[in-house]
Protein backbone atom coordinates (compact mmCIF):
# COMPACT_ATOMS: atom_id res chain seq x y z
CA MET A 1 10.78 -52.69 -45.75
CA GLN A 2 11.20 -52.80 -41.99
CA GLN A 3 11.91 -49.36 -40.56
CA LEU A 4 14.01 -48.39 -37.60
CA THR A 5 12.28 -46.76 -34.64
CA TYR A 6 13.44 -45.03 -31.50
CA GLY A 7 11.92 -47.93 -29.58
CA ASP A 8 14.38 -50.23 -31.37
CA VAL A 9 17.27 -48.08 -30.17
CA ARG A 10 15.97 -48.07 -26.61
CA SER A 11 15.53 -51.86 -26.66
CA ALA A 12 19.09 -52.23 -27.93
CA ALA A 13 20.38 -49.97 -25.14
CA GLY A 14 18.79 -52.21 -22.54
CA ARG A 15 20.01 -55.39 -24.22
CA ILE A 16 23.67 -54.41 -24.50
CA ALA A 17 23.94 -52.49 -21.21
CA GLY A 18 27.09 -53.51 -19.38
CA ARG A 19 28.45 -55.31 -22.45
CA VAL A 20 29.90 -52.28 -24.25
CA ARG A 21 31.94 -49.31 -23.10
CA GLN A 22 30.16 -46.01 -22.57
CA VAL A 23 31.44 -43.45 -25.03
CA THR A 24 33.95 -40.92 -23.73
CA LEU A 25 33.58 -37.27 -24.76
CA ALA A 26 36.31 -34.64 -25.07
CA ARG A 27 35.86 -30.95 -25.84
CA LEU A 28 38.15 -29.17 -28.27
CA ASP A 29 39.95 -26.32 -26.54
CA PRO A 30 37.81 -23.15 -26.83
CA ASP A 31 40.83 -20.98 -25.95
CA ALA A 32 42.71 -21.85 -29.09
CA SER A 33 45.42 -19.65 -30.48
CA GLN A 34 44.76 -17.00 -33.10
CA GLY A 35 42.84 -18.15 -36.16
CA SER A 36 42.29 -21.72 -35.10
CA ARG A 37 40.54 -24.00 -32.66
CA ASP A 38 43.07 -26.15 -30.79
CA GLY A 39 45.47 -25.31 -33.62
CA LEU A 40 43.33 -27.20 -36.10
CA GLY A 41 43.40 -24.68 -38.92
CA PRO A 42 41.81 -21.36 -39.91
CA ASP A 43 38.64 -22.91 -41.31
CA VAL A 44 37.48 -24.34 -37.97
CA PRO A 45 34.92 -21.77 -36.78
CA GLN A 46 35.50 -19.54 -33.78
CA GLY A 47 33.02 -18.05 -31.37
CA PRO A 48 31.07 -19.11 -28.33
CA GLY A 49 30.06 -22.48 -29.76
CA GLU A 50 31.32 -25.83 -28.50
CA VAL A 51 32.84 -28.68 -30.50
CA TRP A 52 33.04 -32.06 -28.77
CA LEU A 53 34.59 -35.32 -29.93
CA ALA A 54 32.86 -38.62 -29.18
CA LEU A 55 35.78 -41.03 -28.73
CA GLU A 56 33.95 -44.15 -29.87
CA PHE A 57 37.17 -45.58 -31.29
CA MET A 58 37.85 -46.59 -27.68
CA GLN A 59 35.00 -49.08 -27.95
CA HIS A 60 35.61 -52.86 -27.85
CA THR A 61 37.22 -53.97 -31.15
CA GLY A 62 38.13 -50.34 -31.91
CA SER A 63 34.86 -49.14 -33.42
CA PHE A 64 31.15 -48.52 -32.88
CA LYS A 65 30.40 -51.80 -34.66
CA ALA A 66 30.64 -53.68 -31.37
CA ARG A 67 27.27 -52.20 -30.36
CA GLY A 68 25.34 -53.56 -33.33
CA ALA A 69 27.08 -56.93 -33.24
CA GLN A 70 26.19 -57.41 -29.58
CA ASN A 71 22.58 -56.38 -30.16
CA PHE A 72 22.24 -58.66 -33.19
CA LEU A 73 23.58 -61.82 -31.56
CA LEU A 74 21.90 -61.23 -28.20
CA ALA A 75 18.53 -60.71 -29.89
CA HIS A 76 18.94 -63.97 -31.81
CA ARG A 77 20.06 -65.76 -28.66
CA GLU A 78 16.93 -64.50 -26.86
CA ALA A 79 14.74 -65.63 -29.78
CA GLY A 80 16.40 -69.07 -29.99
CA THR A 81 17.50 -68.44 -33.57
CA LEU A 82 21.28 -68.64 -33.15
CA PRO A 83 22.29 -71.78 -35.13
CA GLU A 84 25.01 -74.28 -34.28
CA ALA A 85 26.70 -73.34 -37.56
CA GLY A 86 27.43 -69.97 -36.04
CA VAL A 87 27.39 -66.58 -37.70
CA THR A 88 28.89 -65.26 -40.92
CA ILE A 89 29.40 -61.74 -42.19
CA ALA A 90 30.93 -59.84 -45.09
CA SER A 91 32.86 -56.80 -43.97
CA GLY A 92 35.54 -54.34 -44.93
CA GLY A 93 36.97 -55.12 -41.51
CA ASN A 94 35.34 -53.34 -38.57
CA ALA A 95 31.97 -55.10 -38.68
CA GLY A 96 33.78 -58.40 -38.99
CA LEU A 97 35.93 -57.61 -35.96
CA ALA A 98 32.83 -56.76 -33.94
CA CYS A 99 30.99 -59.87 -35.12
CA ALA A 100 33.95 -62.11 -34.27
CA TRP A 101 34.26 -60.51 -30.83
CA ALA A 102 30.55 -60.85 -30.04
CA ALA A 103 30.44 -64.41 -31.41
CA ARG A 104 33.31 -65.43 -29.15
CA GLN A 105 31.39 -64.04 -26.19
CA GLN A 106 28.36 -66.08 -27.23
CA GLY A 107 30.43 -69.23 -27.76
CA VAL A 108 29.67 -69.54 -31.49
CA THR A 109 31.84 -69.68 -34.59
CA ALA A 110 32.29 -66.60 -36.80
CA THR A 111 33.25 -66.87 -40.47
CA VAL A 112 34.18 -63.48 -41.87
CA PHE A 113 34.48 -62.57 -45.55
CA VAL A 114 36.59 -59.51 -46.35
CA PRO A 115 37.98 -58.02 -49.56
CA ALA A 116 41.59 -58.80 -50.41
CA THR A 117 42.20 -55.08 -49.95
CA ALA A 118 41.21 -55.12 -46.26
CA PRO A 119 43.95 -53.59 -44.09
CA ALA A 120 46.33 -56.19 -42.65
CA VAL A 121 45.75 -54.81 -39.15
CA LYS A 122 42.04 -55.67 -39.42
CA VAL A 123 42.67 -59.17 -40.81
CA ALA A 124 45.11 -59.88 -38.00
CA GLY A 125 42.55 -58.65 -35.50
CA LEU A 126 39.87 -60.95 -36.91
CA ARG A 127 42.08 -63.96 -36.48
CA ALA A 128 43.00 -62.88 -32.97
CA TYR A 129 39.29 -62.99 -32.07
CA GLY A 130 39.14 -66.56 -33.35
CA ALA A 131 37.30 -65.91 -36.61
CA GLU A 132 37.81 -67.91 -39.77
CA VAL A 133 38.80 -65.26 -42.34
CA ARG A 134 38.12 -65.64 -46.04
CA GLN A 135 39.42 -62.93 -48.37
CA VAL A 136 37.37 -62.67 -51.57
CA GLY A 137 37.41 -60.00 -54.30
CA THR A 138 38.53 -56.39 -54.09
CA GLU A 139 35.24 -54.75 -53.04
CA TYR A 140 32.69 -55.35 -50.34
CA ALA A 141 30.03 -56.48 -52.85
CA GLU A 142 32.15 -59.44 -53.92
CA SER A 143 32.80 -60.50 -50.34
CA ARG A 144 29.11 -60.21 -49.57
CA ALA A 145 28.15 -62.52 -52.46
CA ALA A 146 30.60 -65.15 -51.20
CA CYS A 147 29.22 -64.79 -47.69
CA GLU A 148 25.65 -65.35 -48.92
CA ARG A 149 26.69 -68.52 -50.72
CA PHE A 150 28.41 -69.78 -47.58
CA ALA A 151 25.33 -69.14 -45.45
CA ALA A 152 23.09 -70.97 -47.91
CA GLU A 153 25.40 -73.97 -47.91
CA THR A 154 26.02 -74.22 -44.15
CA GLY A 155 22.98 -72.73 -42.43
CA ALA A 156 25.08 -70.11 -40.65
CA LEU A 157 23.26 -67.00 -39.50
CA THR A 158 24.06 -64.07 -41.78
CA SER A 159 24.88 -60.86 -39.99
CA GLN A 160 25.19 -57.56 -41.79
CA ALA A 161 27.80 -54.85 -41.75
CA TYR A 162 25.11 -52.15 -41.64
CA ASP A 163 21.87 -53.07 -43.45
CA HIS A 164 19.81 -54.55 -40.61
CA PRO A 165 17.54 -52.92 -37.99
CA LEU A 166 19.25 -54.72 -35.10
CA ILE A 167 22.68 -53.56 -36.27
CA ALA A 168 21.55 -49.97 -36.81
CA ALA A 169 19.64 -49.89 -33.50
CA GLY A 170 22.77 -51.01 -31.67
CA ALA A 171 24.76 -48.24 -33.33
CA GLY A 172 22.12 -45.72 -32.30
CA THR A 173 22.81 -46.39 -28.62
CA LEU A 174 25.94 -44.26 -29.08
CA LEU A 175 23.82 -41.13 -29.51
CA GLU A 176 21.79 -42.00 -26.42
CA GLU A 177 25.00 -41.95 -24.39
CA VAL A 178 26.19 -38.72 -25.99
CA CYS A 179 22.92 -36.93 -25.20
CA SER A 180 22.98 -38.13 -21.58
CA GLN A 181 26.40 -36.48 -21.17
CA LEU A 182 25.83 -33.38 -23.31
CA PRO A 183 22.53 -31.71 -22.41
CA GLY A 184 21.52 -29.17 -25.03
CA LEU A 185 23.40 -30.84 -27.87
CA ASP A 186 22.42 -29.18 -31.16
CA THR A 187 24.20 -31.14 -33.89
CA VAL A 188 25.99 -34.42 -34.43
CA LEU A 189 28.38 -35.06 -37.35
CA VAL A 190 28.79 -38.67 -38.42
CA ALA A 191 30.65 -40.38 -41.26
CA VAL A 192 28.56 -42.54 -43.59
CA GLY A 193 29.50 -45.71 -45.44
CA GLY A 194 26.64 -48.17 -45.83
CA GLY A 195 24.57 -46.19 -43.35
CA GLY A 196 24.10 -48.34 -40.25
CA LEU A 197 25.70 -45.87 -37.85
CA PHE A 198 23.97 -42.96 -39.51
CA ALA A 199 20.54 -44.62 -39.43
CA GLY A 200 20.82 -45.44 -35.74
CA VAL A 201 22.27 -42.08 -34.73
CA ALA A 202 19.78 -40.10 -36.83
CA THR A 203 16.84 -42.05 -35.42
CA ALA A 204 17.92 -41.36 -31.84
CA ALA A 205 18.91 -37.78 -32.64
CA ARG A 206 15.46 -36.99 -33.96
CA GLU A 207 13.94 -38.04 -30.64
CA HIS A 208 16.29 -35.66 -28.81
CA GLY A 209 15.83 -32.75 -31.22
CA VAL A 210 19.42 -32.99 -32.46
CA ARG A 211 20.38 -32.13 -36.05
CA THR A 212 22.27 -34.89 -37.90
CA VAL A 213 24.96 -34.13 -40.48
CA ALA A 214 26.00 -37.02 -42.72
CA VAL A 215 29.56 -36.79 -44.07
CA GLU A 216 30.95 -38.85 -46.96
CA PRO A 217 34.04 -38.81 -49.19
CA GLU A 218 33.40 -37.18 -52.53
CA ASN A 219 34.05 -40.45 -54.36
CA CYS A 220 32.19 -42.71 -51.90
CA ARG A 221 28.90 -40.84 -51.58
CA ALA A 222 26.23 -43.54 -51.46
CA LEU A 223 23.81 -41.60 -49.21
CA ASN A 224 24.40 -38.27 -50.92
CA ALA A 225 23.69 -39.84 -54.31
CA ALA A 226 20.60 -41.66 -53.01
CA LEU A 227 19.14 -38.41 -51.70
CA GLU A 228 19.70 -36.80 -55.10
CA ALA A 229 18.22 -39.77 -56.98
CA GLY A 230 15.32 -40.42 -54.60
CA SER A 231 16.33 -44.06 -54.01
CA PRO A 232 19.48 -46.10 -53.30
CA VAL A 233 21.76 -46.20 -56.34
CA ASP A 234 25.14 -47.73 -57.07
CA VAL A 235 28.05 -45.28 -56.82
CA PRO A 236 31.77 -45.48 -57.63
CA VAL A 237 34.04 -46.43 -54.74
CA ASP A 238 37.34 -44.58 -54.97
CA SER A 239 38.62 -42.94 -51.81
CA VAL A 240 41.39 -43.15 -49.24
CA ALA A 241 38.55 -44.00 -46.82
CA ALA A 242 37.07 -46.78 -48.96
CA ASP A 243 38.15 -49.55 -46.58
CA SER A 244 35.49 -48.42 -44.08
CA LEU A 245 33.21 -46.08 -46.05
CA GLY A 246 33.33 -47.86 -49.40
CA ALA A 247 29.76 -49.17 -49.68
CA ARG A 248 28.59 -49.15 -53.28
CA ARG A 249 24.97 -48.57 -52.22
CA VAL A 250 23.52 -47.09 -49.04
CA SER A 251 20.93 -49.02 -47.05
CA ALA A 252 17.25 -48.21 -47.43
CA LEU A 253 17.19 -47.78 -43.64
CA ALA A 254 19.70 -44.94 -43.89
CA LEU A 255 17.91 -43.22 -46.75
CA HIS A 256 14.60 -43.40 -44.88
CA ALA A 257 16.24 -41.96 -41.75
CA ALA A 258 17.85 -39.14 -43.74
CA ARG A 259 14.48 -38.17 -45.17
CA GLN A 260 12.74 -38.39 -41.81
CA VAL A 261 15.17 -36.11 -40.02
CA GLY A 262 15.99 -33.78 -42.90
CA ALA A 263 19.68 -34.50 -42.42
CA ASP A 264 22.38 -32.37 -44.00
CA SER A 265 24.38 -34.50 -46.45
CA LEU A 266 27.91 -33.28 -47.07
CA THR A 267 30.89 -34.57 -49.02
CA VAL A 268 34.58 -33.96 -48.34
CA PRO A 269 37.60 -34.48 -50.59
CA ASP A 270 40.27 -37.04 -49.83
CA THR A 271 42.75 -34.21 -49.29
CA GLY A 272 40.50 -32.90 -46.51
CA ILE A 273 40.24 -36.35 -44.94
CA LEU A 274 44.01 -36.77 -44.96
CA ARG A 275 44.46 -33.33 -43.43
CA ALA A 276 41.84 -33.94 -40.75
CA ARG A 277 43.36 -37.28 -39.78
CA GLN A 278 46.79 -35.68 -39.46
CA GLN A 279 45.37 -32.76 -37.45
CA LEU A 280 43.72 -35.13 -34.99
CA TRP A 281 47.08 -36.77 -34.46
CA ASP A 282 49.13 -33.58 -34.31
CA HIS A 283 46.91 -31.71 -31.88
CA CYS A 284 44.99 -34.39 -29.98
CA ARG A 285 47.27 -37.43 -30.33
CA ILE A 286 44.31 -39.36 -31.69
CA ALA A 287 45.08 -41.94 -34.40
CA VAL A 288 41.94 -42.82 -36.34
CA GLU A 289 40.94 -44.43 -39.59
CA HIS A 290 40.54 -42.31 -42.69
CA GLY A 291 36.81 -43.00 -42.63
CA THR A 292 36.62 -41.74 -39.07
CA ALA A 293 38.51 -38.58 -40.00
CA ALA A 294 35.92 -37.82 -42.69
CA ALA A 295 33.44 -36.62 -40.07
CA PHE A 296 35.99 -34.23 -38.59
CA ALA A 297 37.02 -33.09 -42.08
CA ALA A 298 33.58 -31.50 -42.48
CA LEU A 299 34.61 -28.87 -39.93
CA THR A 300 37.86 -28.04 -41.72
CA ALA A 301 36.64 -28.04 -45.33
CA GLY A 302 37.26 -24.93 -47.39
CA TRP A 303 33.63 -24.06 -48.08
CA SER A 304 30.74 -24.23 -45.67
CA ARG A 305 27.09 -23.27 -45.41
CA PRO A 306 25.18 -22.24 -42.30
CA PRO A 307 22.66 -24.70 -40.81
CA GLY A 308 19.40 -24.75 -42.75
CA GLN A 309 20.71 -22.79 -45.74
CA GLU A 310 19.50 -24.23 -49.04
CA ARG A 311 22.03 -25.61 -51.44
CA THR A 312 22.95 -23.28 -54.30
CA ALA A 313 22.61 -24.96 -57.69
CA GLY A 314 25.96 -26.38 -58.72
CA ALA A 315 27.72 -25.39 -55.50
CA PRO A 316 29.67 -28.10 -53.66
CA ILE A 317 28.58 -28.79 -50.10
CA ARG A 318 31.91 -29.73 -48.61
CA GLY A 319 31.81 -28.55 -45.05
CA TYR A 320 29.80 -27.61 -42.01
CA ARG A 321 30.16 -24.31 -40.16
CA PRO A 322 28.44 -24.28 -36.77
CA ALA A 323 26.46 -21.21 -35.80
CA ALA A 324 27.49 -19.04 -32.87
CA GLY A 325 26.58 -20.81 -29.66
CA GLU A 326 25.90 -24.13 -31.37
CA LYS A 327 26.94 -27.27 -29.47
CA VAL A 328 28.35 -29.81 -31.93
CA CYS A 329 29.55 -33.38 -31.43
CA VAL A 330 31.75 -35.14 -34.00
CA VAL A 331 31.64 -38.93 -33.82
CA LEU A 332 35.11 -40.46 -34.11
CA CYS A 333 33.87 -43.95 -34.78
CA GLY A 334 36.89 -46.19 -35.39
CA ALA A 335 40.66 -46.50 -35.02
CA ASN A 336 41.61 -49.83 -36.60
CA THR A 337 44.38 -48.25 -38.62
CA ASP A 338 48.11 -48.37 -39.15
CA PRO A 339 49.48 -45.16 -37.58
CA ALA A 340 52.81 -45.51 -39.37
CA ASP A 341 51.81 -42.96 -42.02
CA LEU A 342 51.02 -40.25 -39.45
CA VAL A 343 53.82 -37.73 -39.41
CA GLY A 344 54.78 -36.28 -36.05
CA ARG A 345 55.35 -32.52 -35.85
CA ALA A 346 58.80 -31.22 -35.00
CA ASP A 347 57.37 -29.16 -32.14
CA SER A 348 55.40 -32.03 -30.62
């Protein structure tokens, strides 16, 4: 299996320079009112530490996926391996949006396969970027099978939502930008679905001496389960965040990266994800996807363990509590969502 290296991330950074937006960072208010940080609840730790948000949802197409899509197509363009039949991809939505956007920039056709359950806002976005959209099945695995058949029949180049070194390397450029703006960063929290973002971020983070914390919904825990089993395994997909984090099996790239960096792997309940998403809206006026909110939910979960503490047998690992003085960055990776279900506060 081909592994991801820091050199791959650096090559991607050079390739996509000027073609993506540099990530914007925002610090949560350290002078929060009693018992909370920026009013975000009593479980968000206090003290001299810093919590920063990486606003990657401001990226082209609304998510980090634009980085990997650009790197993938540009690398194939450089190698002369971009076919006239264009590119095809299976995606829950965000990777397809990024692929369609990058394909339009390269002047090639994109055919995107998504589950019938994909949010309408994402399907509309795909068509706006000029992609041919085909809705197949109710889970990503079914869409992926249809995509593979299409590629075999037409000769279209198959892109991946997450399981490809070029895609993961592109995603890893995000952490390069974060570290350039946040000297002394200790820890990065990132939501995990199939593992492309995690693999890229963890690979870059290791080079910079930054701890990586992988966060997944309790009922979409492909990486968490793979670490327990020692290899990628199929897991149930049943979460409010399944549209973006609902991979049935994590990529081998992500599992390898998790082992290499000794990443913390945490799970959060759907109730925590819903609360975190609402808190980001109430207190920061940030509207993100449920999958994006999962990373932030790790800071507001009801039970935490200090960095480096071993897991107690049978105890749930459902949160992350930074140490005093620790500088933490939470990646808010996508905002292709319908904000209609966010409830405004009366005092807003």
